[in-house]
Amino acid sequence: MHTHEQENGGGRTVVCPICGKEFRCALSHECWCSGKKIPEDVRDYLAARYESCVCSDCLDRLIGQAAATR
């Protein structure tokens, strides 16, 4: 697993562990992900497999896959 995090005031630059894309994580309620409704099964999946955040594209894909299986 490759994770790269670089602190920059007000957040960090993270490399998505799924696709390798760099993105910003604000580490707060102001982060882009705070407005997303993430199902519990997706949260559990991510927590069991990754130590860092995933990018918005991968998160959206996982949320969509979870919704399709319900």
PDB file of N, CA and C in Angstrom:
ATOM      1  N   MET A   1       0.846  -1.170   0.000  1.00  0.00           N
ATOM      2  CA  MET A   1       0.000   0.000   0.000  1.00  0.00           C
ATOM      3  C   MET A   1       0.888   1.227   0.000  1.00  0.00           C
ATOM      4  N   HIS A   2       0.657   2.139  -0.920  1.00  0.00           N
ATOM      5  CA  HIS A   2       1.447   3.357  -1.003  1.00  0.00           C
ATOM      6  C   HIS A   2       0.571   4.526  -0.600  1.00  0.00           C
ATOM      7  N   THR A   3       0.952   5.189   0.461  1.00  0.00           N
ATOM      8  CA  THR A   3       0.259   6.414   0.828  1.00  0.00           C
ATOM      9  C   THR A   3       1.300   7.500   0.982  1.00  0.00           C
ATOM     10  N   HIS A   4       0.998   8.647   0.477  1.00  0.00           N
ATOM     11  CA  HIS A   4       1.896   9.788   0.568  1.00  0.00           C
ATOM     12  C   HIS A   4       1.069  10.952   1.070  1.00  0.00           C
ATOM     13  N   GLU A   5       1.509  11.520   2.165  1.00  0.00           N
ATOM     14  CA  GLU A   5       0.806  12.665   2.715  1.00  0.00           C
ATOM     15  C   GLU A   5       1.797  13.788   2.910  1.00  0.00           C
ATOM     16  N   GLN A   6       1.406  14.978   2.528  1.00  0.00           N
ATOM     17  CA  GLN A   6       2.238  16.145   2.710  1.00  0.00           C
ATOM     18  C   GLN A   6       1.391  17.225   3.353  1.00  0.00           C
ATOM     19  N   GLU A   7       1.832  17.681   4.527  1.00  0.00           N
ATOM     20  CA  GLU A   7       1.082  18.708   5.241  1.00  0.00           C
ATOM     21  C   GLU A   7       1.243  20.057   4.540  1.00  0.00           C
ATOM     22  N   ASN A   8       0.164  20.733   4.350  1.00  0.00           N
ATOM     23  CA  ASN A   8       0.139  22.108   3.853  1.00  0.00           C
ATOM     24  C   ASN A   8      -0.910  22.813   4.680  1.00  0.00           C
ATOM     25  N   GLY A   9      -0.583  23.913   5.294  1.00  0.00           N
ATOM     26  CA  GLY A   9      -1.501  24.612   6.176  1.00  0.00           C
ATOM     27  C   GLY A   9      -2.955  24.454   5.796  1.00  0.00           C
ATOM     28  N   GLY A  10      -3.790  24.006   6.736  1.00  0.00           N
ATOM     29  CA  GLY A  10      -5.210  23.843   6.484  1.00  0.00           C
ATOM     30  C   GLY A  10      -5.569  22.520   5.851  1.00  0.00           C
ATOM     31  N   GLY A  11      -4.660  21.600   5.765  1.00  0.00           N
ATOM     32  CA  GLY A  11      -4.965  20.306   5.185  1.00  0.00           C
ATOM     33  C   GLY A  11      -3.707  19.613   4.733  1.00  0.00           C
ATOM     34  N   ARG A  12      -3.902  18.624   3.878  1.00  0.00           N
ATOM     35  CA  ARG A  12      -2.769  17.857   3.393  1.00  0.00           C
ATOM     36  C   ARG A  12      -3.041  17.374   1.980  1.00  0.00           C
ATOM     37  N   THR A  13      -1.967  17.093   1.279  1.00  0.00           N
ATOM     38  CA  THR A  13      -2.071  16.473  -0.026  1.00  0.00           C
ATOM     39  C   THR A  13      -1.892  14.981   0.192  1.00  0.00           C
ATOM     40  N   VAL A  14      -2.816  14.200  -0.338  1.00  0.00           N
ATOM     41  CA  VAL A  14      -2.832  12.755  -0.134  1.00  0.00           C
ATOM     42  C   VAL A  14      -2.855  12.077  -1.502  1.00  0.00           C
ATOM     43  N   VAL A  15      -2.218  10.917  -1.594  1.00  0.00           N
ATOM     44  CA  VAL A  15      -2.308  10.089  -2.791  1.00  0.00           C
ATOM     45  C   VAL A  15      -3.341   9.004  -2.509  1.00  0.00           C
ATOM     46  N   CYS A  16      -4.338   8.916  -3.364  1.00  0.00           N
ATOM     47  CA  CYS A  16      -5.394   7.921  -3.191  1.00  0.00           C
ATOM     48  C   CYS A  16      -4.789   6.517  -3.245  1.00  0.00           C
ATOM     49  N   PRO A  17      -5.060   5.697  -2.230  1.00  0.00           N
ATOM     50  CA  PRO A  17      -4.503   4.346  -2.226  1.00  0.00           C
ATOM     51  C   PRO A  17      -5.150   3.416  -3.249  1.00  0.00           C
ATOM     52  N   ILE A  18      -6.236   3.839  -3.869  1.00  0.00           N
ATOM     53  CA  ILE A  18      -6.906   3.003  -4.864  1.00  0.00           C
ATOM     54  C   ILE A  18      -6.395   3.317  -6.266  1.00  0.00           C
ATOM     55  N   CYS A  19      -6.408   4.592  -6.651  1.00  0.00           N
ATOM     56  CA  CYS A  19      -6.069   4.954  -8.037  1.00  0.00           C
ATOM     57  C   CYS A  19      -4.749   5.703  -8.194  1.00  0.00           C
ATOM     58  N   GLY A  20      -4.183   6.206  -7.099  1.00  0.00           N
ATOM     59  CA  GLY A  20      -2.909   6.923  -7.170  1.00  0.00           C
ATOM     60  C   GLY A  20      -3.018   8.406  -7.458  1.00  0.00           C
ATOM     61  N   LYS A  21      -4.234   8.924  -7.560  1.00  0.00           N
ATOM     62  CA  LYS A  21      -4.451  10.346  -7.841  1.00  0.00           C
ATOM     63  C   LYS A  21      -4.176  11.178  -6.583  1.00  0.00           C
ATOM     64  N   GLU A  22      -3.510  12.329  -6.735  1.00  0.00           N
ATOM     65  CA  GLU A  22      -3.294  13.246  -5.613  1.00  0.00           C
ATOM     66  C   GLU A  22      -4.538  14.108  -5.419  1.00  0.00           C
ATOM     67  N   PHE A  23      -4.872  14.390  -4.164  1.00  0.00           N
ATOM     68  CA  PHE A  23      -6.012  15.246  -3.853  1.00  0.00           C
ATOM     69  C   PHE A  23      -5.785  15.909  -2.502  1.00  0.00           C
ATOM     70  N   ARG A  24      -6.616  16.873  -2.176  1.00  0.00           N
ATOM     71  CA  ARG A  24      -6.512  17.605  -0.914  1.00  0.00           C
ATOM     72  C   ARG A  24      -7.474  17.046   0.114  1.00  0.00           C
ATOM     73  N   CYS A  25      -6.978  16.902   1.343  1.00  0.00           N
ATOM     74  CA  CYS A  25      -7.785  16.500   2.482  1.00  0.00           C
ATOM     75  C   CYS A  25      -7.663  17.608   3.523  1.00  0.00           C
ATOM     76  N   ALA A  26      -8.778  18.196   3.920  1.00  0.00           N
ATOM     77  CA  ALA A  26      -8.759  19.325   4.852  1.00  0.00           C
ATOM     78  C   ALA A  26      -8.733  18.893   6.314  1.00  0.00           C
ATOM     79  N   LEU A  27      -8.925  17.595   6.568  1.00  0.00           N
ATOM     80  CA  LEU A  27      -8.881  17.078   7.943  1.00  0.00           C
ATOM     81  C   LEU A  27      -9.866  17.772   8.872  1.00  0.00           C
ATOM     82  N   SER A  28     -11.019  18.159   8.349  1.00  0.00           N
ATOM     83  CA  SER A  28     -12.004  18.860   9.172  1.00  0.00           C
ATOM     84  C   SER A  28     -13.385  18.773   8.523  1.00  0.00           C
ATOM     85  N   HIS A  29     -14.338  19.419   9.172  1.00  0.00           N
ATOM     86  CA  HIS A  29     -15.705  19.462   8.615  1.00  0.00           C
ATOM     87  C   HIS A  29     -15.767  20.293   7.335  1.00  0.00           C
ATOM     88  N   GLU A  30     -14.672  20.976   6.992  1.00  0.00           N
ATOM     89  CA  GLU A  30     -14.624  21.777   5.767  1.00  0.00           C
ATOM     90  C   GLU A  30     -14.101  20.992   4.574  1.00  0.00           C
ATOM     91  N   CYS A  31     -13.732  19.740   4.785  1.00  0.00           N
ATOM     92  CA  CYS A  31     -13.199  18.914   3.705  1.00  0.00           C
ATOM     93  C   CYS A  31     -14.305  18.598   2.696  1.00  0.00           C
ATOM     94  N   TRP A  32     -13.915  18.337   1.465  1.00  0.00           N
ATOM     95  CA  TRP A  32     -14.871  18.023   0.399  1.00  0.00           C
ATOM     96  C   TRP A  32     -15.736  16.811   0.754  1.00  0.00           C
ATOM     97  N   CYS A  33     -15.180  15.890   1.534  1.00  0.00           N
ATOM     98  CA  CYS A  33     -15.925  14.653   1.832  1.00  0.00           C
ATOM     99  C   CYS A  33     -16.974  14.828   2.925  1.00  0.00           C
ATOM    100  N   SER A  34     -16.901  15.918   3.673  1.00  0.00           N
ATOM    101  CA  SER A  34     -17.832  16.084   4.792  1.00  0.00           C
ATOM    102  C   SER A  34     -19.284  16.222   4.328  1.00  0.00           C
ATOM    103  N   GLY A  35     -19.496  16.629   3.104  1.00  0.00           N
ATOM    104  CA  GLY A  35     -20.847  16.767   2.576  1.00  0.00           C
ATOM    105  C   GLY A  35     -21.385  15.499   1.920  1.00  0.00           C
ATOM    106  N   LYS A  36     -20.561  14.476   1.847  1.00  0.00           N
ATOM    107  CA  LYS A  36     -20.982  13.221   1.207  1.00  0.00           C
ATOM    108  C   LYS A  36     -21.692  12.322   2.207  1.00  0.00           C
ATOM    109  N   LYS A  37     -22.712  11.637   1.747  1.00  0.00           N
ATOM    110  CA  LYS A  37     -23.397  10.635   2.574  1.00  0.00           C
ATOM    111  C   LYS A  37     -22.745   9.297   2.263  1.00  0.00           C
ATOM    112  N   ILE A  38     -21.929   8.820   3.205  1.00  0.00           N
ATOM    113  CA  ILE A  38     -21.166   7.598   2.996  1.00  0.00           C
ATOM    114  C   ILE A  38     -21.833   6.481   3.793  1.00  0.00           C
ATOM    115  N   PRO A  39     -22.367   5.488   3.098  1.00  0.00           N
ATOM    116  CA  PRO A  39     -23.032   4.376   3.796  1.00  0.00           C
ATOM    117  C   PRO A  39     -22.070   3.668   4.759  1.00  0.00           C
ATOM    118  N   GLU A  40     -22.619   3.122   5.809  1.00  0.00           N
ATOM    119  CA  GLU A  40     -21.811   2.450   6.825  1.00  0.00           C
ATOM    120  C   GLU A  40     -20.982   1.311   6.239  1.00  0.00           C
ATOM    121  N   ASP A  41     -21.551   0.567   5.284  1.00  0.00           N
ATOM    122  CA  ASP A  41     -20.783  -0.539   4.706  1.00  0.00           C
ATOM    123  C   ASP A  41     -19.577  -0.044   3.912  1.00  0.00           C
ATOM    124  N   VAL A  42     -19.690   1.122   3.288  1.00  0.00           N
ATOM    125  CA  VAL A  42     -18.557   1.708   2.567  1.00  0.00           C
ATOM    126  C   VAL A  42     -17.513   2.188   3.577  1.00  0.00           C
ATOM    127  N   ARG A  43     -17.953   2.825   4.650  1.00  0.00           N
ATOM    128  CA  ARG A  43     -17.004   3.249   5.703  1.00  0.00           C
ATOM    129  C   ARG A  43     -16.242   2.054   6.259  1.00  0.00           C
ATOM    130  N   ASP A  44     -16.959   0.970   6.542  1.00  0.00           N
ATOM    131  CA  ASP A  44     -16.328  -0.236   7.074  1.00  0.00           C
ATOM    132  C   ASP A  44     -15.319  -0.809   6.088  1.00  0.00           C
ATOM    133  N   TYR A  45     -15.696  -0.852   4.819  1.00  0.00           N
ATOM    134  CA  TYR A  45     -14.806  -1.355   3.768  1.00  0.00           C
ATOM    135  C   TYR A  45     -13.512  -0.544   3.721  1.00  0.00           C
ATOM    136  N   LEU A  46     -13.659   0.779   3.716  1.00  0.00           N
ATOM    137  CA  LEU A  46     -12.482   1.649   3.643  1.00  0.00           C
ATOM    138  C   LEU A  46     -11.608   1.517   4.878  1.00  0.00           C
ATOM    139  N   ALA A  47     -12.223   1.509   6.047  1.00  0.00           N
ATOM    140  CA  ALA A  47     -11.463   1.428   7.304  1.00  0.00           C
ATOM    141  C   ALA A  47     -10.681   0.119   7.410  1.00  0.00           C
ATOM    142  N   ALA A  48     -11.234  -0.954   6.855  1.00  0.00           N
ATOM    143  CA  ALA A  48     -10.572  -2.262   6.930  1.00  0.00           C
ATOM    144  C   ALA A  48      -9.411  -2.390   5.948  1.00  0.00           C
ATOM    145  N   ARG A  49      -9.380  -1.545   4.925  1.00  0.00           N
ATOM    146  CA  ARG A  49      -8.384  -1.724   3.863  1.00  0.00           C
ATOM    147  C   ARG A  49      -7.360  -0.607   3.725  1.00  0.00           C
ATOM    148  N   TYR A  50      -7.696   0.602   4.136  1.00  0.00           N
ATOM    149  CA  TYR A  50      -6.820   1.746   3.857  1.00  0.00           C
ATOM    150  C   TYR A  50      -6.552   2.555   5.115  1.00  0.00           C
ATOM    151  N   GLU A  51      -5.345   3.115   5.170  1.00  0.00           N
ATOM    152  CA  GLU A  51      -4.960   3.947   6.306  1.00  0.00           C
ATOM    153  C   GLU A  51      -5.185   5.435   6.037  1.00  0.00           C
ATOM    154  N   SER A  52      -5.471   5.786   4.797  1.00  0.00           N
ATOM    155  CA  SER A  52      -5.675   7.190   4.457  1.00  0.00           C
ATOM    156  C   SER A  52      -6.986   7.358   3.701  1.00  0.00           C
ATOM    157  N   CYS A  53      -7.292   8.588   3.402  1.00  0.00           N
ATOM    158  CA  CYS A  53      -8.491   8.921   2.640  1.00  0.00           C
ATOM    159  C   CYS A  53      -8.366   8.412   1.207  1.00  0.00           C
ATOM    160  N   VAL A  54      -9.507   8.330   0.522  1.00  0.00           N
ATOM    161  CA  VAL A  54      -9.512   8.036  -0.908  1.00  0.00           C
ATOM    162  C   VAL A  54     -10.048   9.265  -1.639  1.00  0.00           C
ATOM    163  N   CYS A  55      -9.739   9.384  -2.922  1.00  0.00           N
ATOM    164  CA  CYS A  55     -10.152  10.559  -3.695  1.00  0.00           C
ATOM    165  C   CYS A  55     -11.667  10.557  -3.939  1.00  0.00           C
ATOM    166  N   SER A  56     -12.170  11.692  -4.388  1.00  0.00           N
ATOM    167  CA  SER A  56     -13.615  11.824  -4.605  1.00  0.00           C
ATOM    168  C   SER A  56     -14.125  10.882  -5.687  1.00  0.00           C
ATOM    169  N   ASP A  57     -13.338  10.659  -6.732  1.00  0.00           N
ATOM    170  CA  ASP A  57     -13.782   9.748  -7.802  1.00  0.00           C
ATOM    171  C   ASP A  57     -13.944   8.323  -7.272  1.00  0.00           C
ATOM    172  N   CYS A  58     -12.952   7.857  -6.510  1.00  0.00           N
ATOM    173  CA  CYS A  58     -13.023   6.495  -5.973  1.00  0.00           C
ATOM    174  C   CYS A  58     -14.124   6.381  -4.920  1.00  0.00           C
ATOM    175  N   LEU A  59     -14.273   7.411  -4.091  1.00  0.00           N
ATOM    176  CA  LEU A  59     -15.335   7.374  -3.087  1.00  0.00           C
ATOM    177  C   LEU A  59     -16.703   7.344  -3.754  1.00  0.00           C
ATOM    178  N   ASP A  60     -16.900   8.163  -4.774  1.00  0.00           N
ATOM    179  CA  ASP A  60     -18.174   8.165  -5.503  1.00  0.00           C
ATOM    180  C   ASP A  60     -18.443   6.805  -6.133  1.00  0.00           C
ATOM    181  N   ARG A  61     -17.410   6.183  -6.700  1.00  0.00           N
ATOM    182  CA  ARG A  61     -17.564   4.863  -7.320  1.00  0.00           C
ATOM    183  C   ARG A  61     -17.980   3.830  -6.275  1.00  0.00           C
ATOM    184  N   LEU A  62     -17.332   3.841  -5.110  1.00  0.00           N
ATOM    185  CA  LEU A  62     -17.669   2.886  -4.048  1.00  0.00           C
ATOM    186  C   LEU A  62     -19.082   3.104  -3.524  1.00  0.00           C
ATOM    187  N   ILE A  63     -19.478   4.371  -3.375  1.00  0.00           N
ATOM    188  CA  ILE A  63     -20.836   4.680  -2.929  1.00  0.00           C
ATOM    189  C   ILE A  63     -21.842   4.190  -3.961  1.00  0.00           C
ATOM    190  N   GLY A  64     -21.557   4.408  -5.243  1.00  0.00           N
ATOM    191  CA  GLY A  64     -22.444   3.957  -6.316  1.00  0.00           C
ATOM    192  C   GLY A  64     -22.563   2.444  -6.372  1.00  0.00           C
ATOM    193  N   GLN A  65     -21.439   1.753  -6.178  1.00  0.00           N
ATOM    194  CA  GLN A  65     -21.465   0.290  -6.168  1.00  0.00           C
ATOM    195  C   GLN A  65     -22.291  -0.229  -4.995  1.00  0.00           C
ATOM    196  N   ALA A  66     -22.149   0.409  -3.849  1.00  0.00           N
ATOM    197  CA  ALA A  66     -22.908  -0.011  -2.672  1.00  0.00           C
ATOM    198  C   ALA A  66     -24.410   0.196  -2.907  1.00  0.00           C
ATOM    199  N   ALA A  67     -24.768   1.323  -3.525  1.00  0.00           N
ATOM    200  CA  ALA A  67     -26.171   1.615  -3.784  1.00  0.00           C
ATOM    201  C   ALA A  67     -26.760   0.620  -4.789  1.00  0.00           C
ATOM    202  N   ALA A  68     -25.957   0.181  -5.739  1.00  0.00           N
ATOM    203  CA  ALA A  68     -26.435  -0.745  -6.766  1.00  0.00           C
ATOM    204  C   ALA A  68     -26.693  -2.142  -6.216  1.00  0.00           C
ATOM    205  N   THR A  69     -26.051  -2.470  -5.104  1.00  0.00           N
ATOM    206  CA  THR A  69     -26.227  -3.809  -4.535  1.00  0.00           C
ATOM    207  C   THR A  69     -27.325  -3.853  -3.486  1.00  0.00           C
ATOM    208  N   ARG A  70     -27.970  -2.745  -3.246  1.00  0.00           N
ATOM    209  CA  ARG A  70     -29.057  -2.710  -2.248  1.00  0.00           C
ATOM    210  C   ARG A  70     -30.379  -2.991  -2.878  1.00  0.00           C
TER     211      ARG A  70
END
